[in-house]
Amino acid sequence: AVFDALAPAEAYVRTQGAPIVIKADGLSAGKGVVVAMTVGEALAALTQMLGGEKASGAQVVIEAFMAG
């Protein structure tokens, strides 16, 4: 799923649960992927990627975690 706003992305993570993968859509200097093992980690990553003024135009891709 792709989101550009924090609230819907948070709601999606809460619905899906953890572990879950959060990816910044775009260039992030190699720091754009978070494998969140808890919902709290996922929400913190979303806040970092979509929260605040620097996030204008930012998007995240949220994917299912697949072990292996």
N, C-alpha and C. Protein backbone atom coordinates (compact mmCIF):
# COMPACT_ATOMS: atom_id res chain seq x y z
N ALA A 1 0.85 -1.17 0.00
CA ALA A 1 0.00 0.00 0.00
C ALA A 1 0.90 1.24 0.00
N VAL A 2 0.46 2.29 -0.64
CA VAL A 2 1.23 3.53 -0.75
C VAL A 2 0.46 4.65 -0.05
N PHE A 3 1.17 5.43 0.76
CA PHE A 3 0.55 6.52 1.50
C PHE A 3 1.39 7.78 1.41
N ASP A 4 0.71 8.93 1.43
CA ASP A 4 1.42 10.21 1.49
C ASP A 4 0.96 11.05 2.68
N ALA A 5 0.17 10.45 3.55
CA ALA A 5 -0.30 11.12 4.76
C ALA A 5 -0.12 10.18 5.95
N LEU A 6 0.22 10.75 7.08
CA LEU A 6 0.56 9.97 8.27
C LEU A 6 -0.62 9.18 8.84
N ALA A 7 -1.75 9.82 9.03
CA ALA A 7 -2.89 9.16 9.70
C ALA A 7 -3.37 7.90 8.99
N PRO A 8 -3.59 7.93 7.68
CA PRO A 8 -4.03 6.69 7.02
C PRO A 8 -2.96 5.60 7.04
N ALA A 9 -1.69 5.99 6.96
CA ALA A 9 -0.60 5.01 7.03
C ALA A 9 -0.57 4.35 8.40
N GLU A 10 -0.74 5.13 9.46
CA GLU A 10 -0.78 4.58 10.82
C GLU A 10 -1.96 3.62 10.99
N ALA A 11 -3.11 4.01 10.47
CA ALA A 11 -4.30 3.15 10.57
C ALA A 11 -4.06 1.82 9.86
N TYR A 12 -3.43 1.87 8.71
CA TYR A 12 -3.14 0.66 7.94
C TYR A 12 -2.21 -0.26 8.72
N VAL A 13 -1.16 0.30 9.31
CA VAL A 13 -0.21 -0.51 10.09
C VAL A 13 -0.92 -1.15 11.28
N ARG A 14 -1.76 -0.39 11.95
CA ARG A 14 -2.48 -0.95 13.10
C ARG A 14 -3.39 -2.11 12.67
N THR A 15 -3.96 -2.01 11.49
CA THR A 15 -4.82 -3.07 10.97
C THR A 15 -4.01 -4.30 10.57
N GLN A 16 -2.86 -4.09 9.95
CA GLN A 16 -2.05 -5.19 9.45
C GLN A 16 -1.22 -5.87 10.54
N GLY A 17 -0.80 -5.10 11.52
CA GLY A 17 0.05 -5.66 12.57
C GLY A 17 1.51 -5.73 12.16
N ALA A 18 2.31 -6.39 12.99
CA ALA A 18 3.74 -6.48 12.75
C ALA A 18 4.14 -7.96 12.77
N PRO A 19 5.28 -8.31 12.19
CA PRO A 19 6.24 -7.43 11.55
C PRO A 19 5.72 -6.91 10.21
N ILE A 20 6.26 -5.77 9.81
CA ILE A 20 5.84 -5.11 8.58
C ILE A 20 7.02 -4.29 8.06
N VAL A 21 7.04 -4.03 6.76
CA VAL A 21 8.15 -3.30 6.13
C VAL A 21 7.65 -1.94 5.68
N ILE A 22 8.40 -0.89 6.07
CA ILE A 22 8.08 0.48 5.70
C ILE A 22 9.22 0.98 4.81
N LYS A 23 8.88 1.45 3.61
CA LYS A 23 9.89 1.95 2.67
C LYS A 23 9.57 3.38 2.28
N ALA A 24 10.58 4.23 2.32
CA ALA A 24 10.43 5.58 1.79
C ALA A 24 10.45 5.48 0.27
N ASP A 25 9.49 6.11 -0.38
CA ASP A 25 9.43 6.09 -1.84
C ASP A 25 10.26 7.24 -2.36
N GLY A 26 11.44 6.92 -2.86
CA GLY A 26 12.36 7.95 -3.35
C GLY A 26 13.73 7.72 -2.76
N LEU A 27 14.62 8.67 -3.01
CA LEU A 27 15.99 8.56 -2.54
C LEU A 27 16.08 8.91 -1.06
N SER A 28 16.74 8.05 -0.29
CA SER A 28 16.84 8.27 1.16
C SER A 28 18.25 7.99 1.66
N ALA A 29 19.23 8.09 0.81
CA ALA A 29 20.63 7.87 1.19
C ALA A 29 20.82 6.53 1.89
N GLY A 30 20.13 5.50 1.41
CA GLY A 30 20.30 4.16 1.97
C GLY A 30 19.59 3.94 3.29
N LYS A 31 18.82 4.90 3.76
CA LYS A 31 18.15 4.78 5.05
C LYS A 31 16.64 4.75 4.88
N GLY A 32 16.17 4.27 3.77
CA GLY A 32 14.76 4.37 3.46
C GLY A 32 13.93 3.14 3.72
N VAL A 33 14.49 2.10 4.34
CA VAL A 33 13.73 0.88 4.60
C VAL A 33 13.82 0.53 6.08
N VAL A 34 12.66 0.28 6.68
CA VAL A 34 12.61 -0.15 8.07
C VAL A 34 11.82 -1.45 8.13
N VAL A 35 12.45 -2.48 8.68
CA VAL A 35 11.74 -3.73 8.96
C VAL A 35 11.31 -3.62 10.41
N ALA A 36 10.06 -3.30 10.61
CA ALA A 36 9.53 -3.06 11.96
C ALA A 36 9.00 -4.38 12.53
N MET A 37 9.57 -4.78 13.64
CA MET A 37 9.16 -6.02 14.28
C MET A 37 7.98 -5.81 15.23
N THR A 38 7.70 -4.55 15.55
CA THR A 38 6.54 -4.21 16.39
C THR A 38 5.76 -3.08 15.74
N VAL A 39 4.52 -2.95 16.13
CA VAL A 39 3.70 -1.85 15.61
C VAL A 39 4.31 -0.52 16.04
N GLY A 40 4.84 -0.45 17.26
CA GLY A 40 5.47 0.78 17.74
C GLY A 40 6.63 1.22 16.87
N GLU A 41 7.47 0.28 16.46
CA GLU A 41 8.59 0.59 15.56
C GLU A 41 8.07 1.11 14.22
N ALA A 42 7.01 0.49 13.72
CA ALA A 42 6.44 0.90 12.45
C ALA A 42 5.87 2.32 12.53
N LEU A 43 5.17 2.61 13.61
CA LEU A 43 4.59 3.94 13.78
C LEU A 43 5.68 5.00 13.91
N ALA A 44 6.77 4.68 14.61
CA ALA A 44 7.88 5.61 14.74
C ALA A 44 8.52 5.88 13.37
N ALA A 45 8.67 4.84 12.56
CA ALA A 45 9.24 5.01 11.22
C ALA A 45 8.34 5.88 10.35
N LEU A 46 7.04 5.67 10.44
CA LEU A 46 6.10 6.47 9.68
C LEU A 46 6.17 7.94 10.09
N THR A 47 6.25 8.18 11.40
CA THR A 47 6.35 9.55 11.88
C THR A 47 7.60 10.22 11.35
N GLN A 48 8.71 9.48 11.33
CA GLN A 48 9.96 10.02 10.82
C GLN A 48 9.86 10.32 9.32
N MET A 49 9.22 9.44 8.57
CA MET A 49 9.17 9.58 7.12
C MET A 49 8.08 10.54 6.64
N LEU A 50 6.96 10.59 7.33
CA LEU A 50 5.83 11.40 6.86
C LEU A 50 5.50 12.59 7.75
N GLY A 51 6.06 12.65 8.94
CA GLY A 51 5.74 13.73 9.85
C GLY A 51 6.63 14.94 9.62
N GLY A 52 6.14 16.10 9.97
CA GLY A 52 6.94 17.32 9.89
C GLY A 52 6.95 17.96 8.52
N GLU A 53 7.59 19.11 8.46
CA GLU A 53 7.61 19.91 7.23
C GLU A 53 8.44 19.29 6.12
N LYS A 54 9.53 18.59 6.48
CA LYS A 54 10.40 18.01 5.46
C LYS A 54 9.70 16.91 4.67
N ALA A 55 8.56 16.44 5.16
CA ALA A 55 7.87 15.33 4.52
C ALA A 55 6.96 15.75 3.38
N SER A 56 6.91 17.03 3.07
CA SER A 56 6.04 17.50 2.01
C SER A 56 6.33 16.75 0.71
N GLY A 57 5.32 16.12 0.17
CA GLY A 57 5.48 15.34 -1.05
C GLY A 57 6.03 13.95 -0.83
N ALA A 58 6.32 13.60 0.40
CA ALA A 58 6.89 12.28 0.71
C ALA A 58 5.82 11.20 0.58
N GLN A 59 6.26 10.01 0.24
CA GLN A 59 5.39 8.85 0.18
C GLN A 59 6.10 7.67 0.82
N VAL A 60 5.31 6.76 1.36
CA VAL A 60 5.86 5.51 1.88
C VAL A 60 5.11 4.35 1.24
N VAL A 61 5.83 3.25 1.11
CA VAL A 61 5.26 2.00 0.65
C VAL A 61 5.30 1.05 1.84
N ILE A 62 4.16 0.46 2.17
CA ILE A 62 4.09 -0.48 3.29
C ILE A 62 3.84 -1.86 2.71
N GLU A 63 4.73 -2.79 3.08
CA GLU A 63 4.66 -4.14 2.53
C GLU A 63 4.63 -5.18 3.63
N ALA A 64 4.12 -6.34 3.30
CA ALA A 64 4.13 -7.46 4.23
C ALA A 64 5.57 -7.91 4.45
N PHE A 65 5.87 -8.35 5.65
CA PHE A 65 7.18 -8.92 5.98
C PHE A 65 7.19 -10.38 5.56
N MET A 66 8.26 -10.77 4.86
CA MET A 66 8.41 -12.16 4.45
C MET A 66 9.76 -12.65 4.94
N ALA A 67 9.75 -13.63 5.82
CA ALA A 67 11.01 -14.18 6.33
C ALA A 67 11.71 -14.99 5.26
N GLY A 68 13.04 -14.93 5.31
CA GLY A 68 13.81 -15.76 4.39
C GLY A 68 14.52 -15.04 3.41
